[in-house]
């Protein structure tokens, strides 16, 4: 099997459950987007969720955890800036 042919026609060589986009929202086909196409389809999905204001879309828009993880004591990296000292303050 030619490698380029296999990559272009992945549906013929790989089962549907192995493809990374089953039942595409627009076409209903099982496809396997790669690199830029994958990023674009992911962004379109996120924007659709935000537009219809689904629970996941609201969580994505606000930057919170989406898949039910706890947020009280974990996942605080990057949210708080910490305490900064004034110039000339003594240690």
N, C-alpha and C. Protein backbone atom coordinates (compact mmCIF):
# COMPACT_ATOMS: atom_id res chain seq x y z
N UNK A 1 0.85 -1.19 0.00
CA UNK A 1 0.00 0.00 0.00
C UNK A 1 0.89 1.24 0.00
N UNK A 2 0.63 2.13 -0.93
CA UNK A 2 1.37 3.37 -1.01
C UNK A 2 1.00 4.25 0.19
N UNK A 3 1.97 4.82 0.85
CA UNK A 3 1.74 5.58 2.08
C UNK A 3 0.88 6.81 1.82
N UNK A 4 1.20 7.54 0.75
CA UNK A 4 0.42 8.74 0.45
C UNK A 4 -1.04 8.39 0.16
N UNK A 5 -1.25 7.31 -0.57
CA UNK A 5 -2.61 6.87 -0.88
C UNK A 5 -3.35 6.48 0.39
N UNK A 6 -2.65 5.80 1.30
CA UNK A 6 -3.27 5.37 2.56
C UNK A 6 -3.65 6.58 3.42
N UNK A 7 -2.81 7.60 3.43
CA UNK A 7 -3.12 8.79 4.23
C UNK A 7 -4.29 9.56 3.64
N UNK A 8 -4.34 9.66 2.31
CA UNK A 8 -5.43 10.38 1.66
C UNK A 8 -6.76 9.65 1.80
N UNK A 9 -6.74 8.32 1.76
CA UNK A 9 -7.96 7.51 1.85
C UNK A 9 -7.93 6.68 3.13
N UNK A 10 -7.85 7.34 4.25
CA UNK A 10 -7.71 6.64 5.52
C UNK A 10 -8.95 5.83 5.86
N UNK A 11 -10.11 6.23 5.36
CA UNK A 11 -11.35 5.51 5.65
C UNK A 11 -11.32 4.09 5.12
N UNK A 12 -10.54 3.83 4.05
CA UNK A 12 -10.48 2.50 3.46
C UNK A 12 -9.60 1.55 4.26
N UNK A 13 -8.66 2.08 5.02
CA UNK A 13 -7.66 1.24 5.69
C UNK A 13 -7.82 1.18 7.20
N UNK A 14 -8.59 2.08 7.77
CA UNK A 14 -8.69 2.20 9.23
C UNK A 14 -10.16 2.14 9.62
N UNK A 15 -10.50 1.49 10.74
CA UNK A 15 -11.90 1.49 11.18
C UNK A 15 -12.36 2.89 11.58
N UNK A 16 -13.66 3.10 11.53
CA UNK A 16 -14.22 4.43 11.80
C UNK A 16 -13.93 4.92 13.21
N UNK A 17 -13.87 4.01 14.18
CA UNK A 17 -13.66 4.45 15.56
C UNK A 17 -12.26 4.99 15.79
N UNK A 18 -11.34 4.76 14.84
CA UNK A 18 -9.98 5.24 14.99
C UNK A 18 -9.78 6.64 14.41
N UNK A 19 -10.73 7.12 13.64
CA UNK A 19 -10.62 8.46 13.06
C UNK A 19 -10.90 9.50 14.14
N UNK A 20 -10.29 10.68 14.00
CA UNK A 20 -10.41 11.67 15.07
C UNK A 20 -11.61 12.61 14.90
N UNK A 21 -12.47 12.38 13.92
CA UNK A 21 -13.68 13.19 13.80
C UNK A 21 -14.78 12.33 13.19
N UNK A 22 -15.55 11.68 14.06
CA UNK A 22 -16.65 10.85 13.59
C UNK A 22 -17.90 11.71 13.46
N UNK A 23 -18.63 11.48 12.39
CA UNK A 23 -19.89 12.19 12.12
C UNK A 23 -19.71 13.70 12.25
N UNK A 24 -18.97 14.25 11.31
CA UNK A 24 -18.70 15.68 11.26
C UNK A 24 -20.01 16.47 11.34
N UNK A 25 -20.00 17.58 12.02
CA UNK A 25 -21.22 18.37 12.25
C UNK A 25 -21.83 18.85 10.93
N UNK A 26 -21.00 19.28 10.00
CA UNK A 26 -21.51 19.84 8.75
C UNK A 26 -21.87 18.77 7.73
N UNK A 27 -21.00 17.78 7.54
CA UNK A 27 -21.20 16.81 6.46
C UNK A 27 -21.76 15.48 6.94
N UNK A 28 -21.55 15.13 8.19
CA UNK A 28 -22.01 13.85 8.70
C UNK A 28 -21.08 12.70 8.36
N UNK A 29 -19.92 12.99 7.78
CA UNK A 29 -18.97 11.95 7.38
C UNK A 29 -17.96 11.70 8.49
N UNK A 30 -17.31 10.54 8.41
CA UNK A 30 -16.20 10.23 9.30
C UNK A 30 -14.92 10.65 8.59
N UNK A 31 -14.23 11.65 9.14
CA UNK A 31 -13.02 12.16 8.51
C UNK A 31 -11.88 12.18 9.52
N UNK A 32 -10.68 12.39 9.02
CA UNK A 32 -9.50 12.43 9.88
C UNK A 32 -8.69 13.67 9.52
N UNK A 33 -9.10 14.86 10.01
CA UNK A 33 -8.32 16.07 9.70
C UNK A 33 -6.98 16.04 10.42
N UNK A 34 -5.99 16.67 9.78
CA UNK A 34 -4.63 16.67 10.32
C UNK A 34 -4.12 18.11 10.33
N UNK A 35 -3.30 18.44 11.27
CA UNK A 35 -2.58 19.70 11.46
C UNK A 35 -3.52 20.91 11.42
N UNK A 36 -3.46 21.73 10.39
CA UNK A 36 -4.22 22.98 10.36
C UNK A 36 -5.72 22.70 10.30
N UNK A 37 -6.13 21.69 9.54
CA UNK A 37 -7.55 21.35 9.46
C UNK A 37 -8.08 20.93 10.83
N UNK A 38 -7.29 20.17 11.58
CA UNK A 38 -7.70 19.73 12.91
C UNK A 38 -7.88 20.92 13.84
N UNK A 39 -6.94 21.86 13.80
CA UNK A 39 -7.04 23.06 14.64
C UNK A 39 -8.28 23.88 14.26
N UNK A 40 -8.53 24.01 12.96
CA UNK A 40 -9.69 24.79 12.52
C UNK A 40 -11.00 24.13 12.94
N UNK A 41 -11.11 22.82 12.81
CA UNK A 41 -12.35 22.15 13.19
C UNK A 41 -12.56 22.24 14.70
N UNK A 42 -11.48 22.14 15.46
CA UNK A 42 -11.59 22.26 16.92
C UNK A 42 -12.06 23.67 17.31
N UNK A 43 -11.48 24.68 16.68
CA UNK A 43 -11.89 26.06 16.97
C UNK A 43 -13.34 26.31 16.58
N UNK A 44 -13.76 25.73 15.44
CA UNK A 44 -15.16 25.88 15.02
C UNK A 44 -16.10 25.24 16.04
N UNK A 45 -15.72 24.07 16.56
CA UNK A 45 -16.55 23.40 17.56
C UNK A 45 -16.67 24.25 18.82
N UNK A 46 -15.54 24.81 19.27
CA UNK A 46 -15.57 25.64 20.48
C UNK A 46 -16.43 26.89 20.25
N UNK A 47 -16.27 27.52 19.10
CA UNK A 47 -17.07 28.72 18.81
C UNK A 47 -18.55 28.39 18.72
N UNK A 48 -18.91 27.22 18.18
CA UNK A 48 -20.31 26.81 18.11
C UNK A 48 -20.87 26.62 19.51
N UNK A 49 -20.09 25.98 20.40
CA UNK A 49 -20.55 25.78 21.77
C UNK A 49 -20.73 27.12 22.49
N UNK A 50 -19.80 28.06 22.26
CA UNK A 50 -19.91 29.37 22.89
C UNK A 50 -21.12 30.13 22.35
N UNK A 51 -21.37 29.99 21.05
CA UNK A 51 -22.46 30.73 20.42
C UNK A 51 -23.82 30.28 20.94
N UNK A 52 -24.02 28.97 21.11
CA UNK A 52 -25.30 28.47 21.59
C UNK A 52 -25.39 28.51 23.12
N UNK A 53 -24.28 28.92 23.75
CA UNK A 53 -24.21 29.05 25.21
C UNK A 53 -24.51 27.74 25.93
N UNK A 54 -23.90 26.67 25.43
CA UNK A 54 -24.00 25.41 26.15
C UNK A 54 -23.12 25.50 27.40
N UNK A 55 -23.28 24.53 28.30
CA UNK A 55 -22.51 24.54 29.53
C UNK A 55 -21.02 24.50 29.22
N UNK A 56 -20.64 23.61 28.30
CA UNK A 56 -19.23 23.51 27.93
C UNK A 56 -18.73 24.79 27.28
N UNK A 57 -19.57 25.42 26.47
CA UNK A 57 -19.18 26.66 25.81
C UNK A 57 -18.95 27.78 26.80
N UNK A 58 -19.80 27.87 27.81
CA UNK A 58 -19.64 28.90 28.84
C UNK A 58 -18.36 28.65 29.62
N UNK A 59 -18.08 27.38 29.96
CA UNK A 59 -16.86 27.07 30.70
C UNK A 59 -15.62 27.38 29.86
N UNK A 60 -15.67 27.07 28.57
CA UNK A 60 -14.54 27.39 27.69
C UNK A 60 -14.33 28.90 27.62
N UNK A 61 -15.41 29.64 27.48
CA UNK A 61 -15.30 31.09 27.33
C UNK A 61 -14.74 31.74 28.58
N UNK A 62 -15.09 31.21 29.75
CA UNK A 62 -14.62 31.82 31.00
C UNK A 62 -13.28 31.28 31.45
N UNK A 63 -12.76 30.26 30.77
CA UNK A 63 -11.44 29.73 31.10
C UNK A 63 -11.43 28.75 32.25
N UNK A 64 -12.60 28.22 32.62
CA UNK A 64 -12.67 27.25 33.71
C UNK A 64 -12.49 25.83 33.18
N UNK A 65 -12.39 24.88 34.11
CA UNK A 65 -12.31 23.48 33.73
C UNK A 65 -13.64 23.07 33.10
N UNK A 66 -13.58 22.18 32.11
CA UNK A 66 -14.77 21.84 31.34
C UNK A 66 -15.30 20.46 31.69
N UNK A 67 -14.44 19.54 32.04
CA UNK A 67 -14.85 18.14 32.15
C UNK A 67 -15.13 17.68 33.57
N UNK A 68 -15.58 18.56 34.42
CA UNK A 68 -16.03 18.16 35.74
C UNK A 68 -14.96 18.07 36.80
N UNK A 69 -13.76 18.57 36.52
CA UNK A 69 -12.73 18.52 37.54
C UNK A 69 -13.05 19.52 38.64
N UNK A 70 -12.48 19.26 39.80
CA UNK A 70 -12.67 20.18 40.92
C UNK A 70 -11.82 21.43 40.70
N UNK A 71 -12.32 22.55 41.18
CA UNK A 71 -11.61 23.81 40.98
C UNK A 71 -11.30 24.51 42.29
N UNK A 72 -11.74 23.96 43.43
CA UNK A 72 -11.55 24.66 44.70
C UNK A 72 -10.08 24.72 45.08
N UNK A 73 -9.39 23.59 45.00
CA UNK A 73 -8.02 23.58 45.50
C UNK A 73 -7.00 23.26 44.43
N UNK A 74 -7.42 22.86 43.25
CA UNK A 74 -6.47 22.50 42.20
C UNK A 74 -6.64 23.40 40.99
N UNK A 75 -5.63 23.38 40.13
CA UNK A 75 -5.72 24.11 38.88
C UNK A 75 -5.61 25.61 39.03
N UNK A 76 -4.83 26.06 39.99
CA UNK A 76 -4.74 27.49 40.23
C UNK A 76 -3.58 28.14 39.49
N UNK A 77 -2.81 27.36 38.78
CA UNK A 77 -1.63 27.91 38.11
C UNK A 77 -2.05 28.90 37.04
N UNK A 78 -1.43 30.05 37.04
CA UNK A 78 -1.68 31.04 36.01
C UNK A 78 -2.83 31.99 36.29
N UNK A 79 -3.60 31.77 37.34
CA UNK A 79 -4.73 32.65 37.60
C UNK A 79 -4.34 33.81 38.51
N UNK A 80 -3.55 33.53 39.55
CA UNK A 80 -3.16 34.57 40.50
C UNK A 80 -1.74 35.03 40.18
N UNK A 81 -1.47 36.30 40.40
CA UNK A 81 -0.15 36.83 40.13
C UNK A 81 0.77 36.75 41.33
N UNK A 82 0.23 36.56 42.50
CA UNK A 82 1.06 36.49 43.69
C UNK A 82 1.23 37.85 44.34
N UNK A 83 2.00 37.86 45.40
CA UNK A 83 2.21 39.09 46.16
C UNK A 83 3.47 39.75 45.66
N UNK A 84 3.39 41.04 45.40
CA UNK A 84 4.58 41.77 44.96
C UNK A 84 4.94 42.80 46.03
N UNK A 85 6.24 42.98 46.22
CA UNK A 85 6.72 43.92 47.22
C UNK A 85 6.83 45.32 46.63
N UNK A 86 6.65 46.32 47.46
CA UNK A 86 6.86 47.69 47.01
C UNK A 86 8.35 47.95 46.92
N UNK A 87 8.72 48.91 46.09
CA UNK A 87 10.12 49.28 45.98
C UNK A 87 10.57 49.91 47.30
N UNK A 88 11.74 49.55 47.74
CA UNK A 88 12.29 50.13 48.95
C UNK A 88 11.77 49.50 50.23
N UNK A 89 10.95 48.48 50.14
CA UNK A 89 10.44 47.83 51.35
C UNK A 89 11.55 46.98 51.96
N UNK A 90 11.57 46.93 53.27
CA UNK A 90 12.61 46.16 53.95
C UNK A 90 12.19 44.70 54.04
N UNK A 91 13.19 43.82 54.00
CA UNK A 91 12.90 42.39 54.09
C UNK A 91 13.00 41.89 55.49
